[in-house]
Amino acid sequence: MKLIKRIWKWGLRLFVVLFIGQLIYIVVLKWVAPPITLTQIGSVLSGRGFHNKNMPSSAVSENARLAVIASEDQLFPDHNGFDWKSIQKAMEYNRKKPGRVRGASTISQQTAKNVFLWQGRSWIRKGLETYFTFMIENIWGKKRILEVYLNVAEMGKGIFGIETAAQTYFNKPAKELTQYEAAAIAAILPNPLKLNVKPMSPYVSSRARAIVQQMNFLRPDRDIQRIIQAN
């Protein structure tokens, strides 16, 4: 019994230390760029490499911020981190067609996964993703979530962040990206390891044009404007 009590005592202490540690880390990242992520480490280990340069929102084109919202999560200003209707639709689709997996992750969920977790579809990872999504929604806020997402998302093989993508694909800083260029980068985000900006396939080109149309539709929205405008 004494051994069990000791194990329980030390296990509880370890849990408290880890919980406080991760909470401090989340708070720090509200102002500090993530040093490196598990996805980036995995990219290095797999041979894809790792190229990244963190940039503040003021150094990124408004077009880039609007493009990822138009492409990935048009309800980003309105939800609390989770798009429940899309999640329900995805679950119903996956039940009907178990051989094909459809996701419904918001920008907040993708940011939580990319910063704190590993890639995969296990229930453990999904549970942790839910927790970290809730935390960053309440601690960081929408503007910071979008800023971090644009810095940590993989936008090509070993290409992380919008600045690296802009320099790689268009030989210009992210601040100078045009509407179509930003849309072209956003168009590959569903599968950046298979889709390419250059050379651009007909599918990516068509998707980029569709994203531009959505950008024009969303741009006047006041809630969108509050998020995409630089601090």
Protein backbone atom coordinates (compact mmCIF):
# COMPACT_ATOMS: atom_id res chain seq x y z
CA MET A 1 0.00 0.00 0.00
CA LYS A 2 2.83 2.41 0.80
CA LEU A 3 4.36 1.86 -2.65
CA ILE A 4 1.02 2.54 -4.33
CA LYS A 5 0.57 5.71 -2.28
CA ARG A 6 4.07 6.89 -3.23
CA ILE A 7 3.46 6.21 -6.91
CA TRP A 8 0.14 8.07 -6.72
CA LYS A 9 1.76 10.97 -4.88
CA TRP A 10 4.62 11.34 -7.37
CA GLY A 11 2.27 10.84 -10.31
CA LEU A 12 0.02 13.62 -9.02
CA ARG A 13 3.02 15.93 -8.54
CA LEU A 14 4.22 15.19 -12.06
CA PHE A 15 0.76 15.93 -13.46
CA VAL A 16 0.61 19.28 -11.62
CA VAL A 17 4.09 20.26 -12.82
CA LEU A 18 3.27 19.32 -16.43
CA PHE A 19 -0.07 21.12 -16.30
CA ILE A 20 1.45 24.32 -14.93
CA GLY A 21 4.32 24.07 -17.41
CA GLN A 22 2.10 23.76 -20.47
CA LEU A 23 -0.15 26.56 -19.20
CA ILE A 24 2.85 28.88 -18.85
CA TYR A 25 4.02 27.86 -22.33
CA ILE A 26 0.62 28.70 -23.84
CA VAL A 27 0.63 32.13 -22.17
CA VAL A 28 4.21 32.86 -23.31
CA LEU A 29 3.30 31.98 -26.91
CA LYS A 30 0.72 34.75 -26.90
CA TRP A 31 3.69 37.06 -27.50
CA VAL A 32 6.63 34.79 -28.42
CA ALA A 33 6.97 32.72 -31.60
CA PRO A 34 6.97 28.92 -31.09
CA PRO A 35 10.63 27.83 -31.19
CA ILE A 36 9.92 24.61 -33.13
CA THR A 37 7.04 22.18 -33.52
CA LEU A 38 6.75 18.40 -33.70
CA THR A 39 5.60 18.70 -37.32
CA GLN A 40 8.74 20.66 -38.17
CA ILE A 41 10.92 18.10 -36.40
CA GLY A 42 9.13 15.36 -38.34
CA SER A 43 9.82 17.23 -41.58
CA VAL A 44 13.54 17.24 -40.83
CA LEU A 45 13.59 13.56 -39.85
CA SER A 46 11.68 12.57 -42.99
CA GLY A 47 14.16 14.36 -45.23
CA ARG A 48 11.88 17.21 -46.34
CA GLY A 49 13.95 19.76 -44.46
CA PHE A 50 12.80 22.74 -42.44
CA HIS A 51 12.72 26.32 -43.68
CA ASN A 52 10.89 28.92 -41.64
CA LYS A 53 10.95 32.60 -40.76
CA ASN A 54 8.46 33.97 -38.23
CA MET A 55 6.89 37.29 -39.14
CA PRO A 56 4.54 39.62 -37.23
CA SER A 57 1.17 40.45 -38.79
CA SER A 58 2.45 43.89 -39.78
CA ALA A 59 4.96 42.18 -42.12
CA VAL A 60 2.34 40.00 -43.83
CA SER A 61 0.00 41.06 -46.59
CA GLU A 62 -3.63 41.44 -45.60
CA ASN A 63 -4.29 39.32 -48.68
CA ALA A 64 -2.54 36.36 -47.05
CA ARG A 65 -4.59 36.59 -43.88
CA LEU A 66 -7.82 36.86 -45.85
CA ALA A 67 -6.85 34.04 -48.24
CA VAL A 68 -6.44 31.40 -45.53
CA ILE A 69 -9.75 32.39 -43.95
CA ALA A 70 -11.48 32.20 -47.32
CA SER A 71 -9.86 28.86 -48.04
CA GLU A 72 -9.79 27.10 -44.68
CA ASP A 73 -12.34 28.57 -42.31
CA GLN A 74 -14.82 31.23 -43.42
CA LEU A 75 -16.59 31.13 -40.04
CA PHE A 76 -13.33 31.85 -38.20
CA PRO A 77 -14.52 35.18 -36.71
CA ASP A 78 -17.76 33.66 -35.46
CA HIS A 79 -17.00 30.30 -33.83
CA ASN A 80 -15.38 29.50 -30.49
CA GLY A 81 -12.73 27.29 -32.08
CA PHE A 82 -15.03 24.57 -33.39
CA ASP A 83 -17.36 24.54 -36.39
CA TRP A 84 -19.89 22.07 -34.96
CA LYS A 85 -22.04 21.85 -38.10
CA SER A 86 -19.05 20.98 -40.27
CA ILE A 87 -17.82 18.48 -37.68
CA GLN A 88 -21.23 16.76 -37.68
CA LYS A 89 -21.30 16.64 -41.47
CA ALA A 90 -17.78 15.20 -41.55
CA MET A 91 -18.70 12.52 -39.01
CA GLU A 92 -21.76 11.53 -41.03
CA TYR A 93 -19.67 11.39 -44.22
CA ASN A 94 -16.99 9.27 -42.54
CA ARG A 95 -19.62 6.84 -41.25
CA LYS A 96 -21.08 6.38 -44.72
CA LYS A 97 -17.69 6.16 -46.43
CA PRO A 98 -15.17 4.81 -43.92
CA GLY A 99 -12.55 4.38 -46.63
CA ARG A 100 -12.44 8.12 -47.19
CA VAL A 101 -11.75 10.50 -44.33
CA ARG A 102 -13.08 14.04 -44.41
CA GLY A 103 -11.85 16.57 -41.88
CA ALA A 104 -13.58 19.66 -40.49
CA SER A 105 -10.79 21.43 -38.63
CA THR A 106 -10.98 25.15 -38.08
CA ILE A 107 -7.94 27.43 -38.26
CA SER A 108 -7.90 27.36 -34.45
CA GLN A 109 -7.80 23.55 -34.37
CA GLN A 110 -5.09 23.42 -37.04
CA THR A 111 -3.01 25.95 -35.12
CA ALA A 112 -3.37 23.96 -31.88
CA LYS A 113 -2.34 20.78 -33.68
CA ASN A 114 0.59 22.36 -35.50
CA VAL A 115 2.01 24.14 -32.45
CA PHE A 116 1.50 21.65 -29.63
CA LEU A 117 0.89 18.21 -31.14
CA TRP A 118 1.86 15.68 -33.78
CA GLN A 119 0.15 14.79 -37.05
CA GLY A 120 -2.28 11.90 -36.89
CA ARG A 121 -5.89 10.92 -36.32
CA SER A 122 -5.87 9.10 -32.99
CA TRP A 123 -8.54 9.86 -30.40
CA ILE A 124 -5.83 10.83 -27.90
CA ARG A 125 -4.45 13.48 -30.25
CA LYS A 126 -7.95 14.69 -31.07
CA GLY A 127 -8.75 15.05 -27.38
CA LEU A 128 -5.57 17.04 -26.76
CA GLU A 129 -6.32 19.15 -29.83
CA THR A 130 -9.72 20.02 -28.35
CA TYR A 131 -8.08 21.11 -25.10
CA PHE A 132 -5.39 23.26 -26.74
CA THR A 133 -7.93 24.79 -29.14
CA PHE A 134 -10.06 25.87 -26.19
CA MET A 135 -7.01 27.33 -24.44
CA ILE A 136 -5.66 29.38 -27.34
CA GLU A 137 -9.12 30.68 -28.21
CA ASN A 138 -9.43 32.05 -24.68
CA ILE A 139 -5.81 33.12 -24.09
CA TRP A 140 -4.53 34.20 -27.51
CA GLY A 141 -7.59 35.47 -29.34
CA LYS A 142 -8.37 35.34 -33.05
CA LYS A 143 -5.69 37.75 -34.32
CA ARG A 144 -2.87 35.92 -32.56
CA ILE A 145 -4.18 32.51 -33.64
CA LEU A 146 -4.20 33.62 -37.27
CA GLU A 147 -0.72 35.16 -36.95
CA VAL A 148 0.73 31.95 -35.49
CA TYR A 149 -1.06 29.79 -38.05
CA LEU A 150 0.49 31.74 -40.90
CA ASN A 151 3.92 31.20 -39.35
CA VAL A 152 3.74 27.48 -38.51
CA ALA A 153 1.59 25.94 -41.26
CA GLU A 154 3.46 23.78 -43.77
CA MET A 155 3.03 25.36 -47.22
CA GLY A 156 5.08 22.95 -49.27
CA LYS A 157 7.63 20.24 -48.60
CA GLY A 158 9.73 21.61 -45.74
CA ILE A 159 8.34 25.12 -46.33
CA PHE A 160 6.83 26.50 -43.14
CA GLY A 161 5.12 29.85 -42.83
CA ILE A 162 3.87 32.46 -45.24
CA GLU A 163 7.16 34.40 -45.45
CA THR A 164 9.12 31.33 -46.54
CA ALA A 165 6.36 30.40 -49.00
CA ALA A 166 6.26 33.90 -50.51
CA GLN A 167 10.04 33.98 -50.95
CA THR A 168 10.14 30.44 -52.37
CA TYR A 169 7.26 30.71 -54.83
CA PHE A 170 7.22 34.39 -55.80
CA ASN A 171 10.63 35.79 -54.78
CA LYS A 172 9.06 38.51 -52.66
CA PRO A 173 8.27 39.12 -48.98
CA ALA A 174 4.89 38.07 -47.61
CA LYS A 175 3.97 41.75 -47.19
CA GLU A 176 3.92 42.18 -50.98
CA LEU A 177 1.77 39.17 -51.91
CA THR A 178 -1.03 39.99 -54.32
CA GLN A 179 -4.53 38.62 -53.89
CA TYR A 180 -4.00 35.82 -56.42
CA GLU A 181 -0.55 34.89 -55.09
CA ALA A 182 -1.92 34.61 -51.55
CA ALA A 183 -4.83 32.54 -52.85
CA ALA A 184 -2.45 30.22 -54.73
CA ILE A 185 -0.55 29.48 -51.51
CA ALA A 186 -3.79 28.98 -49.58
CA ALA A 187 -5.01 26.62 -52.31
CA ILE A 188 -2.40 23.97 -51.42
CA LEU A 189 -3.00 24.02 -47.65
CA PRO A 190 -5.32 20.99 -47.61
CA ASN A 191 -2.41 18.85 -48.81
CA PRO A 192 0.87 20.81 -49.04
CA LEU A 193 2.94 17.65 -49.55
CA LYS A 194 1.16 16.72 -52.78
CA LEU A 195 -0.16 20.02 -54.16
CA ASN A 196 2.25 22.59 -55.64
CA VAL A 197 2.21 26.31 -56.26
CA LYS A 198 5.01 25.95 -58.82
CA PRO A 199 4.48 24.23 -61.16
CA MET A 200 0.80 24.90 -60.61
CA SER A 201 -1.64 22.18 -61.60
CA PRO A 202 -5.01 23.02 -63.21
CA TYR A 203 -6.67 21.96 -59.95
CA VAL A 204 -4.64 24.39 -57.82
CA SER A 205 -5.14 27.17 -60.37
CA SER A 206 -8.90 26.62 -60.37
CA ARG A 207 -9.00 26.47 -56.58
CA ALA A 208 -6.95 29.68 -56.32
CA ARG A 209 -9.43 31.53 -58.56
CA ALA A 210 -12.32 30.27 -56.43
CA ILE A 211 -10.53 31.48 -53.29
CA VAL A 212 -10.08 34.94 -54.84
CA GLN A 213 -13.84 35.10 -55.44
CA GLN A 214 -14.48 34.19 -51.80
CA MET A 215 -11.93 36.78 -50.67
CA ASN A 216 -13.80 39.48 -52.59
CA PHE A 217 -17.03 38.33 -50.97
CA LEU A 218 -15.63 38.26 -47.43
CA ARG A 219 -13.44 41.37 -47.47
CA PRO A 220 -16.17 43.94 -46.64
CA ASP A 221 -17.31 41.97 -43.57
CA ARG A 222 -16.59 43.99 -40.42
CA ASP A 223 -15.72 40.95 -38.28
CA ILE A 224 -13.30 39.74 -40.96
CA GLN A 225 -11.74 43.19 -41.18
CA ARG A 226 -11.15 43.34 -37.42
CA ILE A 227 -9.14 40.13 -37.63
CA ILE A 228 -7.14 40.64 -40.82
CA GLN A 229 -6.06 44.21 -40.13
CA ALA A 230 -2.56 44.41 -38.67
CA ASN A 231 -2.21 45.62 -35.09
